Amino acid sequence: MINQISAPLQVQAPLQNTQPQASAGKTGFGDMLKHAITDLNTSQVQSANMTQALAEGKNVELQDVMIAAEKASVTLMSAVEFRNKAVEAYQEIMRMQM
């Protein structure tokens, strides 16, 4: 089963007030990152479980195993690219002169 691709992230303007505000329905960057890492882990575990089931001869369709493996691969590559861009941005900020 292929899950629907979620809409791209939308960047919001920074808040005028620097105090943390608890508002219903809004998620922070940390929550979004945690959710993304959880999804990454879930796809990796699902791929591993399906591959193991196929290797054990259980009733698993090969195309489902391949789709799960490719989904896990794409998710991992996306996470690595996100990390690379975050490190690059951090290094750029550190090079700035004050």
PDB file of N, CA and C in Angstrom:
ATOM      1  N   MET A   1       0.841  -1.166   0.000  1.00  0.00           N
ATOM      2  CA  MET A   1       0.000   0.000   0.000  1.00  0.00           C
ATOM      3  C   MET A   1       0.891   1.235   0.000  1.00  0.00           C
ATOM      4  N   ILE A   2       0.632   2.157  -0.877  1.00  0.00           N
ATOM      5  CA  ILE A   2       1.406   3.384  -0.984  1.00  0.00           C
ATOM      6  C   ILE A   2       0.660   4.481  -0.245  1.00  0.00           C
ATOM      7  N   ASN A   3       1.355   5.132   0.669  1.00  0.00           N
ATOM      8  CA  ASN A   3       0.753   6.220   1.426  1.00  0.00           C
ATOM      9  C   ASN A   3       0.817   7.515   0.634  1.00  0.00           C
ATOM     10  N   GLN A   4      -0.136   8.385   0.889  1.00  0.00           N
ATOM     11  CA  GLN A   4      -0.180   9.680   0.218  1.00  0.00           C
ATOM     12  C   GLN A   4       0.997  10.526   0.667  1.00  0.00           C
ATOM     13  N   ILE A   5       1.580  11.237  -0.269  1.00  0.00           N
ATOM     14  CA  ILE A   5       2.687  12.127   0.038  1.00  0.00           C
ATOM     15  C   ILE A   5       2.107  13.387   0.656  1.00  0.00           C
ATOM     16  N   SER A   6       2.677  13.764   1.794  1.00  0.00           N
ATOM     17  CA  SER A   6       2.161  14.954   2.463  1.00  0.00           C
ATOM     18  C   SER A   6       2.622  16.212   1.738  1.00  0.00           C
ATOM     19  N   ALA A   7       1.891  17.284   1.963  1.00  0.00           N
ATOM     20  CA  ALA A   7       2.195  18.560   1.323  1.00  0.00           C
ATOM     21  C   ALA A   7       3.557  19.065   1.809  1.00  0.00           C
ATOM     22  N   PRO A   8       4.260  19.850   0.985  1.00  0.00           N
ATOM     23  CA  PRO A   8       5.554  20.381   1.401  1.00  0.00           C
ATOM     24  C   PRO A   8       5.405  21.314   2.599  1.00  0.00           C
ATOM     25  N   LEU A   9       6.480  21.419   3.342  1.00  0.00           N
ATOM     26  CA  LEU A   9       6.474  22.286   4.517  1.00  0.00           C
ATOM     27  C   LEU A   9       6.312  23.737   4.097  1.00  0.00           C
ATOM     28  N   GLN A  10       5.568  24.484   4.870  1.00  0.00           N
ATOM     29  CA  GLN A  10       5.389  25.899   4.592  1.00  0.00           C
ATOM     30  C   GLN A  10       6.132  26.688   5.664  1.00  0.00           C
ATOM     31  N   VAL A  11       6.917  27.649   5.218  1.00  0.00           N
ATOM     32  CA  VAL A  11       7.689  28.473   6.128  1.00  0.00           C
ATOM     33  C   VAL A  11       6.806  29.609   6.623  1.00  0.00           C
ATOM     34  N   GLN A  12       6.807  29.799   7.929  1.00  0.00           N
ATOM     35  CA  GLN A  12       6.005  30.855   8.516  1.00  0.00           C
ATOM     36  C   GLN A  12       6.912  32.010   8.919  1.00  0.00           C
ATOM     37  N   ALA A  13       6.348  33.196   8.927  1.00  0.00           N
ATOM     38  CA  ALA A  13       7.108  34.371   9.344  1.00  0.00           C
ATOM     39  C   ALA A  13       7.442  34.242  10.825  1.00  0.00           C
ATOM     40  N   PRO A  14       8.609  34.756  11.253  1.00  0.00           N
ATOM     41  CA  PRO A  14       8.970  34.673  12.664  1.00  0.00           C
ATOM     42  C   PRO A  14       7.997  35.473  13.526  1.00  0.00           C
ATOM     43  N   LEU A  15       7.833  34.995  14.735  1.00  0.00           N
ATOM     44  CA  LEU A  15       6.936  35.671  15.669  1.00  0.00           C
ATOM     45  C   LEU A  15       7.561  36.968  16.163  1.00  0.00           C
ATOM     46  N   GLN A  16       6.746  37.981  16.403  1.00  0.00           N
ATOM     47  CA  GLN A  16       7.242  39.252  16.923  1.00  0.00           C
ATOM     48  C   GLN A  16       7.666  39.103  18.379  1.00  0.00           C
ATOM     49  N   ASN A  17       6.939  38.317  19.129  1.00  0.00           N
ATOM     50  CA  ASN A  17       7.233  38.093  20.532  1.00  0.00           C
ATOM     51  C   ASN A  17       8.142  36.881  20.648  1.00  0.00           C
ATOM     52  N   THR A  18       9.247  37.002  21.380  1.00  0.00           N
ATOM     53  CA  THR A  18      10.192  35.908  21.477  1.00  0.00           C
ATOM     54  C   THR A  18       9.841  34.929  22.588  1.00  0.00           C
ATOM     55  N   GLN A  19       8.790  35.189  23.344  1.00  0.00           N
ATOM     56  CA  GLN A  19       8.388  34.270  24.391  1.00  0.00           C
ATOM     57  C   GLN A  19       7.667  33.083  23.766  1.00  0.00           C
ATOM     58  N   PRO A  20       7.928  31.878  24.302  1.00  0.00           N
ATOM     59  CA  PRO A  20       7.242  30.715  23.753  1.00  0.00           C
ATOM     60  C   PRO A  20       5.741  30.814  23.985  1.00  0.00           C
ATOM     61  N   GLN A  21       4.985  30.467  22.974  1.00  0.00           N
ATOM     62  CA  GLN A  21       3.542  30.520  23.077  1.00  0.00           C
ATOM     63  C   GLN A  21       2.979  29.138  22.813  1.00  0.00           C
ATOM     64  N   ALA A  22       2.059  28.724  23.643  1.00  0.00           N
ATOM     65  CA  ALA A  22       1.399  27.442  23.451  1.00  0.00           C
ATOM     66  C   ALA A  22       0.097  27.700  22.714  1.00  0.00           C
ATOM     67  N   SER A  23       0.028  27.262  21.481  1.00  0.00           N
ATOM     68  CA  SER A  23      -1.195  27.434  20.727  1.00  0.00           C
ATOM     69  C   SER A  23      -1.606  26.095  20.144  1.00  0.00           C
ATOM     70  N   ALA A  24      -2.874  25.836  20.183  1.00  0.00           N
ATOM     71  CA  ALA A  24      -3.394  24.562  19.701  1.00  0.00           C
ATOM     72  C   ALA A  24      -3.288  24.503  18.181  1.00  0.00           C
ATOM     73  N   GLY A  25      -2.893  23.335  17.677  1.00  0.00           N
ATOM     74  CA  GLY A  25      -2.847  23.141  16.240  1.00  0.00           C
ATOM     75  C   GLY A  25      -1.524  23.507  15.591  1.00  0.00           C
ATOM     76  N   LYS A  26      -0.628  24.172  16.277  1.00  0.00           N
ATOM     77  CA  LYS A  26       0.662  24.546  15.707  1.00  0.00           C
ATOM     78  C   LYS A  26       1.740  23.638  16.281  1.00  0.00           C
ATOM     79  N   THR A  27       2.633  23.215  15.396  1.00  0.00           N
ATOM     80  CA  THR A  27       3.742  22.389  15.844  1.00  0.00           C
ATOM     81  C   THR A  27       5.034  23.149  15.622  1.00  0.00           C
ATOM     82  N   GLY A  28       5.957  22.935  16.499  1.00  0.00           N
ATOM     83  CA  GLY A  28       7.251  23.583  16.392  1.00  0.00           C
ATOM     84  C   GLY A  28       8.203  22.762  15.542  1.00  0.00           C
ATOM     85  N   PHE A  29       9.368  23.320  15.308  1.00  0.00           N
ATOM     86  CA  PHE A  29      10.379  22.648  14.504  1.00  0.00           C
ATOM     87  C   PHE A  29      10.801  21.336  15.155  1.00  0.00           C
ATOM     88  N   GLY A  30      10.942  21.357  16.462  1.00  0.00           N
ATOM     89  CA  GLY A  30      11.338  20.139  17.171  1.00  0.00           C
ATOM     90  C   GLY A  30      10.334  19.025  17.009  1.00  0.00           C
ATOM     91  N   ASP A  31       9.057  19.379  17.067  1.00  0.00           N
ATOM     92  CA  ASP A  31       8.007  18.376  16.891  1.00  0.00           C
ATOM     93  C   ASP A  31       8.011  17.820  15.468  1.00  0.00           C
ATOM     94  N   MET A  32       8.198  18.698  14.492  1.00  0.00           N
ATOM     95  CA  MET A  32       8.241  18.244  13.101  1.00  0.00           C
ATOM     96  C   MET A  32       9.453  17.342  12.867  1.00  0.00           C
ATOM     97  N   LEU A  33      10.594  17.697  13.464  1.00  0.00           N
ATOM     98  CA  LEU A  33      11.793  16.894  13.323  1.00  0.00           C
ATOM     99  C   LEU A  33      11.607  15.531  13.979  1.00  0.00           C
ATOM    100  N   LYS A  34      11.009  15.530  15.162  1.00  0.00           N
ATOM    101  CA  LYS A  34      10.756  14.277  15.864  1.00  0.00           C
ATOM    102  C   LYS A  34       9.825  13.386  15.052  1.00  0.00           C
ATOM    103  N   HIS A  35       8.798  13.975  14.463  1.00  0.00           N
ATOM    104  CA  HIS A  35       7.852  13.223  13.633  1.00  0.00           C
ATOM    105  C   HIS A  35       8.560  12.650  12.400  1.00  0.00           C
ATOM    106  N   ALA A  36       9.419  13.428  11.790  1.00  0.00           N
ATOM    107  CA  ALA A  36      10.151  12.972  10.604  1.00  0.00           C
ATOM    108  C   ALA A  36      11.083  11.816  10.946  1.00  0.00           C
ATOM    109  N   ILE A  37      11.746  11.898  12.086  1.00  0.00           N
ATOM    110  CA  ILE A  37      12.656  10.827  12.506  1.00  0.00           C
ATOM    111  C   ILE A  37      11.871   9.565  12.846  1.00  0.00           C
ATOM    112  N   THR A  38      10.714   9.738  13.456  1.00  0.00           N
ATOM    113  CA  THR A  38       9.857   8.588  13.755  1.00  0.00           C
ATOM    114  C   THR A  38       9.394   7.912  12.468  1.00  0.00           C
ATOM    115  N   ASP A  39       9.007   8.716  11.474  1.00  0.00           N
ATOM    116  CA  ASP A  39       8.601   8.156  10.177  1.00  0.00           C
ATOM    117  C   ASP A  39       9.763   7.435   9.501  1.00  0.00           C
ATOM    118  N   LEU A  40      10.949   7.996   9.598  1.00  0.00           N
ATOM    119  CA  LEU A  40      12.137   7.370   9.029  1.00  0.00           C
ATOM    120  C   LEU A  40      12.368   6.015   9.678  1.00  0.00           C
ATOM    121  N   ASN A  41      12.314   5.971  10.994  1.00  0.00           N
ATOM    122  CA  ASN A  41      12.525   4.721  11.710  1.00  0.00           C
ATOM    123  C   ASN A  41      11.449   3.702  11.352  1.00  0.00           C
ATOM    124  N   THR A  42      10.200   4.152  11.271  1.00  0.00           N
ATOM    125  CA  THR A  42       9.104   3.249  10.935  1.00  0.00           C
ATOM    126  C   THR A  42       9.298   2.626   9.562  1.00  0.00           C
ATOM    127  N   SER A  43       9.682   3.429   8.589  1.00  0.00           N
ATOM    128  CA  SER A  43       9.880   2.890   7.237  1.00  0.00           C
ATOM    129  C   SER A  43      11.055   1.916   7.194  1.00  0.00           C
ATOM    130  N   GLN A  44      12.117   2.191   7.950  1.00  0.00           N
ATOM    131  CA  GLN A  44      13.265   1.288   7.994  1.00  0.00           C
ATOM    132  C   GLN A  44      12.889  -0.047   8.636  1.00  0.00           C
ATOM    133  N   VAL A  45      12.139   0.016   9.736  1.00  0.00           N
ATOM    134  CA  VAL A  45      11.728  -1.200  10.441  1.00  0.00           C
ATOM    135  C   VAL A  45      10.761  -2.006   9.578  1.00  0.00           C
ATOM    136  N   GLN A  46       9.825  -1.328   8.927  1.00  0.00           N
ATOM    137  CA  GLN A  46       8.869  -2.021   8.066  1.00  0.00           C
ATOM    138  C   GLN A  46       9.596  -2.721   6.921  1.00  0.00           C
ATOM    139  N   SER A  47      10.562  -2.045   6.325  1.00  0.00           N
ATOM    140  CA  SER A  47      11.326  -2.646   5.233  1.00  0.00           C
ATOM    141  C   SER A  47      12.094  -3.872   5.724  1.00  0.00           C
ATOM    142  N   ALA A  48      12.721  -3.753   6.874  1.00  0.00           N
ATOM    143  CA  ALA A  48      13.479  -4.878   7.428  1.00  0.00           C
ATOM    144  C   ALA A  48      12.565  -6.058   7.747  1.00  0.00           C
ATOM    145  N   ASN A  49      11.410  -5.775   8.326  1.00  0.00           N
ATOM    146  CA  ASN A  49      10.471  -6.846   8.661  1.00  0.00           C
ATOM    147  C   ASN A  49       9.947  -7.551   7.416  1.00  0.00           C
ATOM    148  N   MET A  50       9.617  -6.790   6.389  1.00  0.00           N
ATOM    149  CA  MET A  50       9.109  -7.390   5.161  1.00  0.00           C
ATOM    150  C   MET A  50      10.193  -8.205   4.453  1.00  0.00           C
ATOM    151  N   THR A  51      11.423  -7.714   4.470  1.00  0.00           N
ATOM    152  CA  THR A  51      12.534  -8.450   3.860  1.00  0.00           C
ATOM    153  C   THR A  51      12.772  -9.755   4.607  1.00  0.00           C
ATOM    154  N   GLN A  52      12.710  -9.684   5.929  1.00  0.00           N
ATOM    155  CA  GLN A  52      12.890 -10.885   6.750  1.00  0.00           C
ATOM    156  C   GLN A  52      11.775 -11.899   6.479  1.00  0.00           C
ATOM    157  N   ALA A  53      10.538 -11.411   6.375  1.00  0.00           N
ATOM    158  CA  ALA A  53       9.407 -12.300   6.099  1.00  0.00           C
ATOM    159  C   ALA A  53       9.556 -12.969   4.739  1.00  0.00           C
ATOM    160  N   LEU A  54      10.021 -12.210   3.748  1.00  0.00           N
ATOM    161  CA  LEU A  54      10.238 -12.789   2.418  1.00  0.00           C
ATOM    162  C   LEU A  54      11.334 -13.846   2.470  1.00  0.00           C
ATOM    163  N   ALA A  55      12.407 -13.572   3.203  1.00  0.00           N
ATOM    164  CA  ALA A  55      13.513 -14.520   3.312  1.00  0.00           C
ATOM    165  C   ALA A  55      13.079 -15.802   4.028  1.00  0.00           C
ATOM    166  N   GLU A  56      12.135 -15.680   4.955  1.00  0.00           N
ATOM    167  CA  GLU A  56      11.647 -16.851   5.688  1.00  0.00           C
ATOM    168  C   GLU A  56      10.585 -17.617   4.920  1.00  0.00           C
ATOM    169  N   GLY A  57      10.192 -17.115   3.760  1.00  0.00           N
ATOM    170  CA  GLY A  57       9.226 -17.808   2.929  1.00  0.00           C
ATOM    171  C   GLY A  57       7.780 -17.556   3.316  1.00  0.00           C
ATOM    172  N   LYS A  58       7.544 -16.522   4.081  1.00  0.00           N
ATOM    173  CA  LYS A  58       6.170 -16.197   4.481  1.00  0.00           C
ATOM    174  C   LYS A  58       5.409 -15.622   3.290  1.00  0.00           C
ATOM    175  N   ASN A  59       4.123 -15.509   3.425  1.00  0.00           N
ATOM    176  CA  ASN A  59       3.256 -15.041   2.345  1.00  0.00           C
ATOM    177  C   ASN A  59       3.361 -13.523   2.199  1.00  0.00           C
ATOM    178  N   VAL A  60       4.413 -13.079   1.521  1.00  0.00           N
ATOM    179  CA  VAL A  60       4.653 -11.657   1.289  1.00  0.00           C
ATOM    180  C   VAL A  60       4.925 -11.471  -0.190  1.00  0.00           C
ATOM    181  N   GLU A  61       4.277 -10.493  -0.772  1.00  0.00           N
ATOM    182  CA  GLU A  61       4.477 -10.218  -2.196  1.00  0.00           C
ATOM    183  C   GLU A  61       5.818  -9.519  -2.411  1.00  0.00           C
ATOM    184  N   LEU A  62       6.532  -9.944  -3.440  1.00  0.00           N
ATOM    185  CA  LEU A  62       7.839  -9.365  -3.733  1.00  0.00           C
ATOM    186  C   LEU A  62       7.730  -7.874  -4.032  1.00  0.00           C
ATOM    187  N   GLN A  63       6.701  -7.459  -4.767  1.00  0.00           N
ATOM    188  CA  GLN A  63       6.577  -6.041  -5.098  1.00  0.00           C
ATOM    189  C   GLN A  63       6.343  -5.196  -3.842  1.00  0.00           C
ATOM    190  N   ASP A  64       5.652  -5.738  -2.854  1.00  0.00           N
ATOM    191  CA  ASP A  64       5.453  -5.003  -1.605  1.00  0.00           C
ATOM    192  C   ASP A  64       6.766  -4.821  -0.854  1.00  0.00           C
ATOM    193  N   VAL A  65       7.594  -5.865  -0.893  1.00  0.00           N
ATOM    194  CA  VAL A  65       8.909  -5.792  -0.244  1.00  0.00           C
ATOM    195  C   VAL A  65       9.776  -4.755  -0.938  1.00  0.00           C
ATOM    196  N   MET A  66       9.755  -4.760  -2.269  1.00  0.00           N
ATOM    197  CA  MET A  66      10.571  -3.806  -3.023  1.00  0.00           C
ATOM    198  C   MET A  66      10.089  -2.374  -2.816  1.00  0.00           C
ATOM    199  N   ILE A  67       8.793  -2.184  -2.762  1.00  0.00           N
ATOM    200  CA  ILE A  67       8.255  -0.836  -2.524  1.00  0.00           C
ATOM    201  C   ILE A  67       8.650  -0.345  -1.142  1.00  0.00           C
ATOM    202  N   ALA A  68       8.543  -1.212  -0.139  1.00  0.00           N
ATOM    203  CA  ALA A  68       8.925  -0.826   1.223  1.00  0.00           C
ATOM    204  C   ALA A  68      10.413  -0.501   1.298  1.00  0.00           C
ATOM    205  N   ALA A  69      11.234  -1.300   0.616  1.00  0.00           N
ATOM    206  CA  ALA A  69      12.683  -1.056   0.623  1.00  0.00           C
ATOM    207  C   ALA A  69      13.016   0.261  -0.068  1.00  0.00           C
ATOM    208  N   GLU A  70      12.361   0.537  -1.187  1.00  0.00           N
ATOM    209  CA  GLU A  70      12.626   1.788  -1.908  1.00  0.00           C
ATOM    210  C   GLU A  70      12.145   2.991  -1.109  1.00  0.00           C
ATOM    211  N   LYS A  71      10.996   2.855  -0.460  1.00  0.00           N
ATOM    212  CA  LYS A  71      10.484   3.941   0.389  1.00  0.00           C
ATOM    213  C   LYS A  71      11.454   4.233   1.528  1.00  0.00           C
ATOM    214  N   ALA A  72      11.974   3.178   2.149  1.00  0.00           N
ATOM    215  CA  ALA A  72      12.938   3.353   3.229  1.00  0.00           C
ATOM    216  C   ALA A  72      14.216   4.007   2.717  1.00  0.00           C
ATOM    217  N   SER A  73      14.638   3.615   1.525  1.00  0.00           N
ATOM    218  CA  SER A  73      15.846   4.188   0.934  1.00  0.00           C
ATOM    219  C   SER A  73      15.675   5.675   0.638  1.00  0.00           C
ATOM    220  N   VAL A  74      14.560   6.027   0.035  1.00  0.00           N
ATOM    221  CA  VAL A  74      14.302   7.428  -0.305  1.00  0.00           C
ATOM    222  C   VAL A  74      14.177   8.272   0.966  1.00  0.00           C
ATOM    223  N   THR A  75      13.509   7.736   1.967  1.00  0.00           N
ATOM    224  CA  THR A  75      13.353   8.456   3.234  1.00  0.00           C
ATOM    225  C   THR A  75      14.703   8.690   3.893  1.00  0.00           C
ATOM    226  N   LEU A  76      15.556   7.676   3.874  1.00  0.00           N
ATOM    227  CA  LEU A  76      16.890   7.816   4.467  1.00  0.00           C
ATOM    228  C   LEU A  76      17.739   8.821   3.697  1.00  0.00           C
ATOM    229  N   MET A  77      17.688   8.770   2.369  1.00  0.00           N
ATOM    230  CA  MET A  77      18.458   9.730   1.565  1.00  0.00           C
ATOM    231  C   MET A  77      17.978  11.164   1.823  1.00  0.00           C
ATOM    232  N   SER A  78      16.680  11.341   1.984  1.00  0.00           N
ATOM    233  CA  SER A  78      16.140  12.666   2.281  1.00  0.00           C
ATOM    234  C   SER A  78      16.630  13.165   3.637  1.00  0.00           C
ATOM    235  N   ALA A  79      16.634  12.280   4.619  1.00  0.00           N
ATOM    236  CA  ALA A  79      17.101  12.653   5.953  1.00  0.00           C
ATOM    237  C   ALA A  79      18.584  13.024   5.935  1.00  0.00           C
ATOM    238  N   VAL A  80      19.375  12.288   5.184  1.00  0.00           N
ATOM    239  CA  VAL A  80      20.808  12.585   5.083  1.00  0.00           C
ATOM    240  C   VAL A  80      21.017  13.933   4.402  1.00  0.00           C
ATOM    241  N   GLU A  81      20.262  14.209   3.352  1.00  0.00           N
ATOM    242  CA  GLU A  81      20.387  15.500   2.679  1.00  0.00           C
ATOM    243  C   GLU A  81      19.956  16.647   3.589  1.00  0.00           C
ATOM    244  N   PHE A  82      18.903  16.435   4.362  1.00  0.00           N
ATOM    245  CA  PHE A  82      18.461  17.453   5.315  1.00  0.00           C
ATOM    246  C   PHE A  82      19.561  17.726   6.338  1.00  0.00           C
ATOM    247  N   ARG A  83      20.168  16.659   6.845  1.00  0.00           N
ATOM    248  CA  ARG A  83      21.256  16.818   7.808  1.00  0.00           C
ATOM    249  C   ARG A  83      22.426  17.559   7.183  1.00  0.00           C
ATOM    250  N   ASN A  84      22.776  17.212   5.956  1.00  0.00           N
ATOM    251  CA  ASN A  84      23.885  17.882   5.276  1.00  0.00           C
ATOM    252  C   ASN A  84      23.621  19.378   5.123  1.00  0.00           C
ATOM    253  N   LYS A  85      22.381  19.727   4.735  1.00  0.00           N
ATOM    254  CA  LYS A  85      22.033  21.147   4.577  1.00  0.00           C
ATOM    255  C   LYS A  85      22.040  21.864   5.917  1.00  0.00           C
ATOM    256  N   ALA A  86      21.606  21.202   6.976  1.00  0.00           N
ATOM    257  CA  ALA A  86      21.614  21.824   8.302  1.00  0.00           C
ATOM    258  C   ALA A  86      23.048  22.070   8.770  1.00  0.00           C
ATOM    259  N   VAL A  87      23.935  21.108   8.554  1.00  0.00           N
ATOM    260  CA  VAL A  87      25.340  21.271   8.934  1.00  0.00           C
ATOM    261  C   VAL A  87      25.979  22.381   8.102  1.00  0.00           C
ATOM    262  N   GLU A  88      25.666  22.417   6.822  1.00  0.00           N
ATOM    263  CA  GLU A  88      26.191  23.457   5.945  1.00  0.00           C
ATOM    264  C   GLU A  88      25.732  24.847   6.397  1.00  0.00           C
ATOM    265  N   ALA A  89      24.466  24.963   6.762  1.00  0.00           N
ATOM    266  CA  ALA A  89      23.940  26.246   7.247  1.00  0.00           C
ATOM    267  C   ALA A  89      24.614  26.642   8.559  1.00  0.00           C
ATOM    268  N   TYR A  90      24.821  25.684   9.450  1.00  0.00           N
ATOM    269  CA  TYR A  90      25.499  25.959  10.716  1.00  0.00           C
ATOM    270  C   TYR A  90      26.929  26.433  10.461  1.00  0.00           C
ATOM    271  N   GLN A  91      27.626  25.759   9.573  1.00  0.00           N
ATOM    272  CA  GLN A  91      29.001  26.162   9.265  1.00  0.00           C
ATOM    273  C   GLN A  91      29.042  27.554   8.649  1.00  0.00           C
ATOM    274  N   GLU A  92      28.072  27.877   7.820  1.00  0.00           N
ATOM    275  CA  GLU A  92      28.004  29.209   7.216  1.00  0.00           C
ATOM    276  C   GLU A  92      27.775  30.265   8.293  1.00  0.00           C
ATOM    277  N   ILE A  93      26.907  29.974   9.235  1.00  0.00           N
ATOM    278  CA  ILE A  93      26.653  30.915  10.331  1.00  0.00           C
ATOM    279  C   ILE A  93      27.909  31.101  11.169  1.00  0.00           C
ATOM    280  N   MET A  94      28.651  30.035  11.399  1.00  0.00           N
ATOM    281  CA  MET A  94      29.871  30.124  12.212  1.00  0.00           C
ATOM    282  C   MET A  94      30.956  30.938  11.494  1.00  0.00           C
ATOM    283  N   ARG A  95      30.931  30.978  10.161  1.00  0.00           N
ATOM    284  CA  ARG A  95      31.933  31.749   9.405  1.00  0.00           C
ATOM    285  C   ARG A  95      31.618  33.238   9.382  1.00  0.00           C
ATOM    286  N   MET A  96      30.391  33.590   9.732  1.00  0.00           N
ATOM    287  CA  MET A  96      30.027  35.017   9.717  1.00  0.00           C
ATOM    288  C   MET A  96      30.813  35.776  10.773  1.00  0.00           C
ATOM    289  N   GLN A  97      31.224  36.989  10.402  1.00  0.00           N
ATOM    290  CA  GLN A  97      31.928  37.832  11.350  1.00  0.00           C
ATOM    291  C   GLN A  97      30.921  38.734  12.055  1.00  0.00           C
ATOM    292  N   MET A  98      31.171  38.932  13.322  1.00  0.00           N
ATOM    293  CA  MET A  98      30.246  39.766  14.092  1.00  0.00           C
ATOM    294  C   MET A  98      30.806  41.135  14.304  1.00  0.00           C
TER     295      MET A  98
END
